[in-house]
C-alpha atoms as a PDB file:
ATOM      1  CA  MET A   1      26.300  20.789  18.690  1.00  0.00           C
ATOM      2  CA  GLU A   2      25.195  20.458  22.305  1.00  0.00           C
ATOM      3  CA  PRO A   3      24.320  24.182  22.744  1.00  0.00           C
ATOM      4  CA  TYR A   4      22.154  23.906  19.604  1.00  0.00           C
ATOM      5  CA  PHE A   5      20.377  20.815  20.936  1.00  0.00           C
ATOM      6  CA  ASN A   6      19.909  22.446  24.343  1.00  0.00           C
ATOM      7  CA  ILE A   7      18.178  25.422  22.732  1.00  0.00           C
ATOM      8  CA  LEU A   8      15.801  23.144  20.817  1.00  0.00           C
ATOM      9  CA  ASP A   9      15.066  21.085  23.922  1.00  0.00           C
ATOM     10  CA  ARG A  10      14.381  24.218  25.947  1.00  0.00           C
ATOM     11  CA  TYR A  11      11.910  25.715  23.484  1.00  0.00           C
ATOM     12  CA  GLY A  12      10.293  22.364  22.709  1.00  0.00           C
ATOM     13  CA  THR A  13       9.797  21.637  26.408  1.00  0.00           C
ATOM     14  CA  LYS A  14       8.257  25.096  26.914  1.00  0.00           C
ATOM     15  CA  LEU A  15       5.803  24.404  24.085  1.00  0.00           C
ATOM     16  CA  LEU A  16       4.767  21.076  25.615  1.00  0.00           C
ATOM     17  CA  HIS A  17       4.358  22.805  28.977  1.00  0.00           C
ATOM     18  CA  VAL A  18       2.012  25.347  27.385  1.00  0.00           C
ATOM     19  CA  VAL A  19       0.029  22.500  25.857  1.00  0.00           C
ATOM     20  CA  ASP A  20      -0.193  20.548  29.135  1.00  0.00           C
ATOM     21  CA  PRO A  21       0.930  22.773  32.047  1.00  0.00           C
ATOM     22  CA  ASP A  22      -0.120  20.312  34.776  1.00  0.00           C
ATOM     23  CA  ASN A  23       1.284  17.164  33.113  1.00  0.00           C
ATOM     24  CA  GLN A  24      -2.156  15.545  33.216  1.00  0.00           C
ATOM     25  CA  PHE A  25      -1.839  14.108  29.708  1.00  0.00           C
ATOM     26  CA  THR A  26       1.932  13.618  29.449  1.00  0.00           C
ATOM     27  CA  GLY A  27       4.580  11.145  30.528  1.00  0.00           C
ATOM     28  CA  TYR A  28       3.923   7.718  29.070  1.00  0.00           C
ATOM     29  CA  THR A  29       5.887   8.270  25.841  1.00  0.00           C
ATOM     30  CA  LYS A  30       8.788  10.184  27.389  1.00  0.00           C
ATOM     31  CA  GLY A  31      12.075   8.824  26.039  1.00  0.00           C
ATOM     32  CA  TRP A  32      10.509   7.026  23.064  1.00  0.00           C
ATOM     33  CA  PRO A  33      12.589   7.144  19.845  1.00  0.00           C
ATOM     34  CA  LEU A  34      12.398  10.378  17.826  1.00  0.00           C
ATOM     35  CA  THR A  35      10.094  12.141  20.318  1.00  0.00           C
ATOM     36  CA  GLU A  36      12.607  14.519  21.907  1.00  0.00           C
ATOM     37  CA  PRO A  37      12.287  18.208  20.919  1.00  0.00           C
ATOM     38  CA  ARG A  38      15.857  18.276  19.562  1.00  0.00           C
ATOM     39  CA  THR A  39      15.073  15.422  17.186  1.00  0.00           C
ATOM     40  CA  ALA A  40      11.726  16.670  15.922  1.00  0.00           C
ATOM     41  CA  LEU A  41      12.818  20.291  15.432  1.00  0.00           C
ATOM     42  CA  THR A  42      16.067  19.257  13.728  1.00  0.00           C
ATOM     43  CA  ILE A  43      14.067  17.132  11.283  1.00  0.00           C
ATOM     44  CA  VAL A  44      11.843  20.119  10.482  1.00  0.00           C
ATOM     45  CA  LEU A  45      14.843  22.413   9.974  1.00  0.00           C
ATOM     46  CA  ALA A  46      16.548  19.830   7.747  1.00  0.00           C
ATOM     47  CA  TYR A  47      13.361  19.512   5.675  1.00  0.00           C
ATOM     48  CA  ILE A  48      13.090  23.278   5.146  1.00  0.00           C
ATOM     49  CA  ILE A  49      16.803  23.552   4.291  1.00  0.00           C
ATOM     50  CA  PHE A  50      16.390  20.761   1.735  1.00  0.00           C
ATOM     51  CA  VAL A  51      13.426  22.542   0.130  1.00  0.00           C
ATOM     52  CA  VAL A  52      15.381  25.806  -0.192  1.00  0.00           C
ATOM     53  CA  ILE A  53      18.838  24.496  -1.132  1.00  0.00           C
ATOM     54  CA  GLY A  54      17.627  21.468  -3.081  1.00  0.00           C
ATOM     55  CA  SER A  55      15.348  23.613  -5.220  1.00  0.00           C
ATOM     56  CA  ALA A  56      18.123  26.125  -5.852  1.00  0.00           C
ATOM     57  CA  LEU A  57      20.563  23.411  -6.925  1.00  0.00           C
ATOM     58  CA  MET A  58      18.059  21.751  -9.261  1.00  0.00           C
ATOM     59  CA  LYS A  59      17.338  25.106 -10.891  1.00  0.00           C
ATOM     60  CA  LEU A  60      21.038  25.568 -11.701  1.00  0.00           C
ATOM     61  CA  GLY A  61      20.745  23.108 -14.562  1.00  0.00           C
ATOM     62  CA  VAL A  62      20.653  19.689 -12.940  1.00  0.00           C
ATOM     63  CA  PRO A  63      18.358  17.532 -15.116  1.00  0.00           C
ATOM     64  CA  ALA A  64      15.072  16.278 -13.663  1.00  0.00           C
ATOM     65  CA  MET A  65      15.128  12.725 -12.285  1.00  0.00           C
ATOM     66  CA  ASP A  66      12.246  10.269 -12.574  1.00  0.00           C
ATOM     67  CA  LEU A  67      13.313   7.706  -9.904  1.00  0.00           C
ATOM     68  CA  TYR A  68      10.557   5.298 -10.960  1.00  0.00           C
ATOM     69  CA  ALA A  69      11.751   2.289  -8.946  1.00  0.00           C
ATOM     70  CA  ILE A  70      12.036   4.250  -5.687  1.00  0.00           C
ATOM     71  CA  LYS A  71       8.633   5.903  -6.204  1.00  0.00           C
ATOM     72  CA  PHE A  72       7.077   2.520  -6.973  1.00  0.00           C
ATOM     73  CA  VAL A  73       8.283   1.053  -3.666  1.00  0.00           C
ATOM     74  CA  TYR A  74       7.450   4.247  -1.776  1.00  0.00           C
ATOM     75  CA  ASN A  75       3.861   4.505  -3.000  1.00  0.00           C
ATOM     76  CA  VAL A  76       3.152   0.825  -2.379  1.00  0.00           C
ATOM     77  CA  SER A  77       4.634   1.096   1.126  1.00  0.00           C
ATOM     78  CA  GLN A  78       2.464   4.136   1.845  1.00  0.00           C
ATOM     79  CA  ILE A  79      -0.710   2.431   0.629  1.00  0.00           C
ATOM     80  CA  PHE A  80      -0.164  -0.549   2.944  1.00  0.00           C
ATOM     81  CA  LEU A  81       1.098   1.529   5.887  1.00  0.00           C
ATOM     82  CA  CYS A  82      -1.754   4.049   5.767  1.00  0.00           C
ATOM     83  CA  ALA A  83      -4.344   1.307   5.298  1.00  0.00           C
ATOM     84  CA  TYR A  84      -2.918  -0.569   8.286  1.00  0.00           C
ATOM     85  CA  MET A  85      -2.978   2.509  10.531  1.00  0.00           C
ATOM     86  CA  THR A  86      -6.561   3.291   9.516  1.00  0.00           C
ATOM     87  CA  ILE A  87      -7.787  -0.220  10.285  1.00  0.00           C
ATOM     88  CA  GLU A  88      -5.765  -0.445  13.508  1.00  0.00           C
ATOM     89  CA  ALA A  89      -7.205   2.856  14.770  1.00  0.00           C
ATOM     90  CA  ILE A  90     -10.729   1.609  14.048  1.00  0.00           C
ATOM     91  CA  MET A  91     -10.032  -1.691  15.844  1.00  0.00           C
ATOM     92  CA  ILE A  92      -8.548   0.036  18.912  1.00  0.00           C
ATOM     93  CA  ALA A  93     -11.515   2.413  19.042  1.00  0.00           C
ATOM     94  CA  HIS A  94     -13.923  -0.543  18.780  1.00  0.00           C
ATOM     95  CA  ARG A  95     -12.176  -2.593  21.470  1.00  0.00           C
ATOM     96  CA  ASN A  96     -12.186   0.360  23.881  1.00  0.00           C
ATOM     97  CA  ASN A  97     -15.728   1.532  23.084  1.00  0.00           C
ATOM     98  CA  TYR A  98     -14.629   4.950  21.851  1.00  0.00           C
ATOM     99  CA  GLY A  99     -17.380   7.238  20.665  1.00  0.00           C
ATOM    100  CA  SER A 100     -17.255  10.468  18.711  1.00  0.00           C
ATOM    101  CA  LEU A 101     -16.628  12.748  21.716  1.00  0.00           C
ATOM    102  CA  CYS A 102     -14.990  12.842  25.151  1.00  0.00           C
ATOM    103  CA  ASN A 103     -13.550   9.353  25.382  1.00  0.00           C
ATOM    104  CA  ASN A 104     -11.716   8.073  28.432  1.00  0.00           C
ATOM    105  CA  TYR A 105      -8.063   9.220  28.459  1.00  0.00           C
ATOM    106  CA  ILE A 106      -5.647   6.755  30.046  1.00  0.00           C
ATOM    107  CA  GLN A 107      -2.363   8.510  30.768  1.00  0.00           C
ATOM    108  CA  ASP A 108      -0.329   5.603  32.157  1.00  0.00           C
ATOM    109  CA  ASP A 109      -1.431   2.710  29.906  1.00  0.00           C
ATOM    110  CA  PRO A 110      -3.006   4.309  26.804  1.00  0.00           C
ATOM    111  CA  PRO A 111      -4.348   1.931  24.112  1.00  0.00           C
ATOM    112  CA  MET A 112      -3.619   4.442  21.334  1.00  0.00           C
ATOM    113  CA  ALA A 113      -0.044   5.450  22.236  1.00  0.00           C
ATOM    114  CA  ASN A 114       1.849   2.945  20.065  1.00  0.00           C
ATOM    115  CA  LEU A 115      -0.256   3.757  17.016  1.00  0.00           C
ATOM    116  CA  VAL A 116       0.060   7.518  17.607  1.00  0.00           C
ATOM    117  CA  TRP A 117       3.854   7.081  17.682  1.00  0.00           C
ATOM    118  CA  LEU A 118       3.768   5.090  14.421  1.00  0.00           C
ATOM    119  CA  PHE A 119       1.546   7.714  12.822  1.00  0.00           C
ATOM    120  CA  TYR A 120       3.951  10.443  13.925  1.00  0.00           C
ATOM    121  CA  VAL A 121       6.917   8.565  12.446  1.00  0.00           C
ATOM    122  CA  SER A 122       4.981   8.017   9.209  1.00  0.00           C
ATOM    123  CA  LYS A 123       4.879  11.788   8.759  1.00  0.00           C
ATOM    124  CA  MET A 124       8.660  11.700   8.349  1.00  0.00           C
ATOM    125  CA  TRP A 125       8.195   9.076   5.635  1.00  0.00           C
ATOM    126  CA  ASP A 126       5.806  11.509   3.918  1.00  0.00           C
ATOM    127  CA  PHE A 127       8.712  13.905   3.362  1.00  0.00           C
ATOM    128  CA  TRP A 128       9.725  11.720   0.415  1.00  0.00           C
ATOM    129  CA  ASP A 129       6.867  13.413  -1.468  1.00  0.00           C
ATOM    130  CA  THR A 130       8.863  16.643  -1.418  1.00  0.00           C
ATOM    131  CA  PHE A 131      12.071  14.865  -2.417  1.00  0.00           C
ATOM    132  CA  PHE A 132      10.369  13.491  -5.548  1.00  0.00           C
ATOM    133  CA  ILE A 133       8.906  16.905  -6.385  1.00  0.00           C
ATOM    134  CA  VAL A 134      12.276  18.675  -6.078  1.00  0.00           C
ATOM    135  CA  THR A 135      14.327  16.031  -7.928  1.00  0.00           C
ATOM    136  CA  GLY A 136      11.629  15.825 -10.610  1.00  0.00           C
ATOM    137  CA  LYS A 137      11.548  19.651 -10.897  1.00  0.00           C
ATOM    138  CA  LYS A 138       7.758  19.695 -10.480  1.00  0.00           C
ATOM    139  CA  TRP A 139       7.775  23.308  -9.340  1.00  0.00           C
ATOM    140  CA  ARG A 140       4.008  23.830  -9.568  1.00  0.00           C
ATOM    141  CA  GLN A 141       3.573  21.106  -6.951  1.00  0.00           C
ATOM    142  CA  LEU A 142       6.112  22.704  -4.586  1.00  0.00           C
ATOM    143  CA  SER A 143       3.547  25.175  -3.276  1.00  0.00           C
ATOM    144  CA  PHE A 144       3.171  26.927   0.051  1.00  0.00           C
ATOM    145  CA  LEU A 145       0.322  24.511   0.813  1.00  0.00           C
ATOM    146  CA  HIS A 146       2.571  21.501   0.221  1.00  0.00           C
ATOM    147  CA  VAL A 147       5.420  22.667   2.471  1.00  0.00           C
ATOM    148  CA  TYR A 148       3.111  24.133   5.140  1.00  0.00           C
ATOM    149  CA  HIS A 149       1.082  20.936   5.321  1.00  0.00           C
ATOM    150  CA  HIS A 150       4.107  18.639   5.641  1.00  0.00           C
ATOM    151  CA  VAL A 151       5.828  20.738   8.316  1.00  0.00           C
ATOM    152  CA  THR A 152       2.797  21.490  10.442  1.00  0.00           C
ATOM    153  CA  VAL A 153       1.187  18.049  10.399  1.00  0.00           C
ATOM    154  CA  PHE A 154       4.513  16.575  11.515  1.00  0.00           C
ATOM    155  CA  LEU A 155       4.754  19.064  14.392  1.00  0.00           C
ATOM    156  CA  CYS A 156       1.106  18.546  15.385  1.00  0.00           C
ATOM    157  CA  TYR A 157       1.618  14.798  15.724  1.00  0.00           C
ATOM    158  CA  TRP A 158       4.870  15.408  17.577  1.00  0.00           C
ATOM    159  CA  ILE A 159       2.751  17.262  20.134  1.00  0.00           C
ATOM    160  CA  ASN A 160       0.243  14.399  20.077  1.00  0.00           C
ATOM    161  CA  VAL A 161       2.859  11.730  20.657  1.00  0.00           C
ATOM    162  CA  ASN A 162       4.141  13.651  23.687  1.00  0.00           C
ATOM    163  CA  THR A 163       0.789  14.674  25.117  1.00  0.00           C
ATOM    164  CA  GLN A 164      -2.846  13.816  24.315  1.00  0.00           C
ATOM    165  CA  TYR A 165      -1.820  10.434  22.868  1.00  0.00           C
ATOM    166  CA  ASP A 166      -5.029   8.598  23.698  1.00  0.00           C
ATOM    167  CA  GLY A 167      -8.782   8.945  23.302  1.00  0.00           C
ATOM    168  CA  GLU A 168      -9.942  11.530  20.756  1.00  0.00           C
ATOM    169  CA  VAL A 169      -6.798  11.331  18.604  1.00  0.00           C
ATOM    170  CA  TYR A 170      -8.047   8.071  17.074  1.00  0.00           C
ATOM    171  CA  LEU A 171     -10.472   9.920  14.780  1.00  0.00           C
ATOM    172  CA  SER A 172      -7.792  12.022  13.096  1.00  0.00           C
ATOM    173  CA  ILE A 173      -5.746   8.867  12.434  1.00  0.00           C
ATOM    174  CA  VAL A 174      -8.759   7.112  10.909  1.00  0.00           C
ATOM    175  CA  LEU A 175      -9.578  10.071   8.666  1.00  0.00           C
ATOM    176  CA  ASN A 176      -6.039  11.024   7.697  1.00  0.00           C
ATOM    177  CA  GLY A 177      -4.927   7.423   7.264  1.00  0.00           C
ATOM    178  CA  PHE A 178      -7.860   6.673   4.959  1.00  0.00           C
ATOM    179  CA  ILE A 179      -7.343   9.808   2.869  1.00  0.00           C
ATOM    180  CA  HIS A 180      -3.646   9.018   2.490  1.00  0.00           C
ATOM    181  CA  THR A 181      -4.434   5.454   1.432  1.00  0.00           C
ATOM    182  CA  VAL A 182      -6.596   6.852  -1.369  1.00  0.00           C
ATOM    183  CA  MET A 183      -4.049   9.556  -2.202  1.00  0.00           C
ATOM    184  CA  TYR A 184      -1.103   7.191  -2.592  1.00  0.00           C
ATOM    185  CA  THR A 185      -3.272   4.869  -4.655  1.00  0.00           C
ATOM    186  CA  TYR A 186      -3.892   7.849  -6.917  1.00  0.00           C
ATOM    187  CA  TYR A 187      -0.150   8.597  -7.093  1.00  0.00           C
ATOM    188  CA  PHE A 188       0.565   4.965  -7.919  1.00  0.00           C
ATOM    189  CA  ILE A 189      -1.982   5.009 -10.751  1.00  0.00           C
ATOM    190  CA  CYS A 190      -0.508   8.270 -12.081  1.00  0.00           C
ATOM    191  CA  MET A 191       2.876   6.571 -12.381  1.00  0.00           C
ATOM    192  CA  HIS A 192       1.399   4.139 -14.900  1.00  0.00           C
ATOM    193  CA  THR A 193      -0.666   6.467 -17.084  1.00  0.00           C
ATOM    194  CA  LYS A 194       2.203   8.288 -18.760  1.00  0.00           C
ATOM    195  CA  VAL A 195       2.160   8.743 -22.524  1.00  0.00           C
ATOM    196  CA  PRO A 196       5.660   7.770 -23.797  1.00  0.00           C
ATOM    197  CA  GLU A 197       5.678  10.428 -26.521  1.00  0.00           C
ATOM    198  CA  THR A 198       5.019  13.340 -24.149  1.00  0.00           C
ATOM    199  CA  GLY A 199       6.145  11.967 -20.790  1.00  0.00           C
ATOM    200  CA  LYS A 200       2.967  13.386 -19.232  1.00  0.00           C
ATOM    201  CA  SER A 201       0.349  11.436 -17.308  1.00  0.00           C
ATOM    202  CA  LEU A 202      -3.188  11.087 -18.629  1.00  0.00           C
ATOM    203  CA  PRO A 203      -5.771  12.898 -16.497  1.00  0.00           C
ATOM    204  CA  ILE A 204      -7.564  10.731 -13.921  1.00  0.00           C
ATOM    205  CA  TRP A 205     -11.244  11.575 -13.661  1.00  0.00           C
ATOM    206  CA  TRP A 206     -11.514  11.392  -9.869  1.00  0.00           C
ATOM    207  CA  LYS A 207      -8.610  13.736  -9.113  1.00  0.00           C
ATOM    208  CA  SER A 208     -10.906  16.563  -7.991  1.00  0.00           C
ATOM    209  CA  SER A 209     -12.847  14.089  -5.822  1.00  0.00           C
ATOM    210  CA  LEU A 210      -9.665  13.404  -3.861  1.00  0.00           C
ATOM    211  CA  THR A 211      -9.366  17.100  -2.963  1.00  0.00           C
ATOM    212  CA  SER A 212     -13.060  17.122  -2.030  1.00  0.00           C
ATOM    213  CA  MET A 213     -12.475  14.160   0.286  1.00  0.00           C
ATOM    214  CA  GLN A 214      -9.586  16.016   1.912  1.00  0.00           C
ATOM    215  CA  MET A 215     -11.808  19.034   2.566  1.00  0.00           C
ATOM    216  CA  ILE A 216     -14.527  16.814   4.056  1.00  0.00           C
ATOM    217  CA  GLN A 217     -11.849  15.356   6.327  1.00  0.00           C
ATOM    218  CA  PHE A 218     -10.961  18.842   7.597  1.00  0.00           C
ATOM    219  CA  ILE A 219     -14.626  19.734   8.122  1.00  0.00           C
ATOM    220  CA  ILE A 220     -15.084  16.624  10.293  1.00  0.00           C
ATOM    221  CA  MET A 221     -11.887  17.371  12.233  1.00  0.00           C
ATOM    222  CA  THR A 222     -12.913  20.997  12.790  1.00  0.00           C
ATOM    223  CA  SER A 223     -16.344  19.848  13.962  1.00  0.00           C
ATOM    224  CA  GLN A 224     -14.741  17.397  16.398  1.00  0.00           C
ATOM    225  CA  ALA A 225     -12.421  20.062  17.851  1.00  0.00           C
ATOM    226  CA  SER A 226     -15.133  22.695  18.193  1.00  0.00           C
ATOM    227  CA  SER A 227     -17.546  20.211  19.811  1.00  0.00           C
ATOM    228  CA  LEU A 228     -14.937  19.152  22.368  1.00  0.00           C
ATOM    229  CA  LEU A 229     -14.129  22.763  23.224  1.00  0.00           C
ATOM    230  CA  LEU A 230     -17.780  23.795  23.485  1.00  0.00           C
ATOM    231  CA  THR A 231     -18.812  20.839  25.648  1.00  0.00           C
ATOM    232  CA  GLY A 232     -15.926  21.382  28.083  1.00  0.00           C
ATOM    233  CA  CYS A 233     -14.749  17.777  28.010  1.00  0.00           C
ATOM    234  CA  LYS A 234     -12.513  17.044  31.023  1.00  0.00           C
ATOM    235  CA  GLU A 235     -10.793  14.132  29.250  1.00  0.00           C
ATOM    236  CA  ILE A 236      -8.789  16.438  26.993  1.00  0.00           C
ATOM    237  CA  SER A 237      -6.182  19.140  27.354  1.00  0.00           C
ATOM    238  CA  VAL A 238      -7.806  22.289  25.965  1.00  0.00           C
ATOM    239  CA  VAL A 239      -4.767  23.872  24.279  1.00  0.00           C
ATOM    240  CA  PRO A 240      -4.037  21.031  21.794  1.00  0.00           C
ATOM    241  CA  TYR A 241      -7.639  21.162  20.595  1.00  0.00           C
ATOM    242  CA  GLN A 242      -7.515  24.935  20.255  1.00  0.00           C
ATOM    243  CA  ILE A 243      -4.442  24.422  18.044  1.00  0.00           C
ATOM    244  CA  TYR A 244      -6.202  21.523  16.291  1.00  0.00           C
ATOM    245  CA  PHE A 245      -9.247  23.702  15.555  1.00  0.00           C
ATOM    246  CA  MET A 246      -7.242  26.612  14.123  1.00  0.00           C
ATOM    247  CA  TYR A 247      -4.963  24.275  12.184  1.00  0.00           C
ATOM    248  CA  THR A 248      -7.757  22.336  10.490  1.00  0.00           C
ATOM    249  CA  ILE A 249      -9.493  25.617   9.601  1.00  0.00           C
ATOM    250  CA  SER A 250      -6.277  26.831   7.939  1.00  0.00           C
ATOM    251  CA  LEU A 251      -5.974  23.599   5.956  1.00  0.00           C
ATOM    252  CA  LEU A 252      -9.615  23.717   4.911  1.00  0.00           C
ATOM    253  CA  LEU A 253      -9.182  27.250   3.571  1.00  0.00           C
ATOM    254  CA  LEU A 254      -5.935  26.404   1.757  1.00  0.00           C
ATOM    255  CA  PHE A 255      -7.354  23.253   0.176  1.00  0.00           C
ATOM    256  CA  ALA A 256     -10.540  25.109  -0.780  1.00  0.00           C
ATOM    257  CA  HIS A 257      -8.415  27.760  -2.501  1.00  0.00           C
ATOM    258  CA  PHE A 258      -6.483  24.998  -4.290  1.00  0.00           C
ATOM    259  CA  PHE A 259      -9.755  23.364  -5.383  1.00  0.00           C
ATOM    260  CA  VAL A 260     -11.159  26.602  -6.782  1.00  0.00           C
ATOM    261  CA  THR A 261      -7.986  27.594  -8.653  1.00  0.00           C
ATOM    262  CA  SER A 262      -7.345  24.069  -9.982  1.00  0.00           C
ATOM    263  CA  TYR A 263     -10.794  22.784 -10.898  1.00  0.00           C
ATOM    264  CA  MET A 264     -13.195  25.734 -11.124  1.00  0.00           C
ATOM    265  CA  LYS A 265     -11.379  28.126 -13.433  1.00  0.00           C
ATOM    266  CA  ARG A 266     -13.575  29.443 -16.173  1.00  0.00           C
ATOM    267  CA  PRO A 267     -12.331  28.525 -19.645  1.00  0.00           C
ATOM    268  CA  GLU A 268     -10.851  31.429 -21.545  1.00  0.00           C
ATOM    269  CA  ILE A 269     -13.034  32.751 -24.332  1.00  0.00           C
ATOM    270  CA  LYS A 270     -11.124  32.834 -27.586  1.00  0.00           C
ATOM    271  CA  GLU A 271     -12.044  35.659 -29.923  1.00  0.00           C
END
């Protein structure tokens, strides 16, 4: 396995070097658990393999599984974890007088580093969403958007936990943590609105509002990234925010497409 791990480390290290070629924003978190390239990239590969092989196996005739007890604990844990990370990010930002743009970046003793690491690790916990979709055979939910979002957000915060782990990153944690608190509250409610006769959940009126909130989140993130790039802030590494800008644009477009196809379809006219 060592040659395999060496390849992952080599390519992961090259990526981090592209992101921060002069090591101005890197170093404090080196050696922290789960931050090595071999670990992060292996997790991503394992996730993709599970999606492909797990889906294929379930489609061979394995009955769908509900897993109510596990989902109950999972959703509750996510509500509390995401709420905690949101509040903690706000408190750290308040204590350190962070504003909306170009905050002081402390490489050697960063106030945000521990929370960024926790947020990164929480993105592994999010992979349970896919496990429940596959084992429940909810194929409509296993979309390109779902898999793309889970893989890329994990990799983006892996970059963040290795470099650019202070300052501006607080805003994305506040926004994403809050949205996920609302989202897992929605999932938890859905678990308890099922009609026994049909096994289907009753529609929740604010479902489309959740997608709207997600799109607003991406608009704010895109605005933050573009403002930092245009103002030439010296407290950031440019490359991560170029990636951040393009990534949030891609998510905004994908979620907008989902919103249109899911909530704005014209009703069919019956003759």
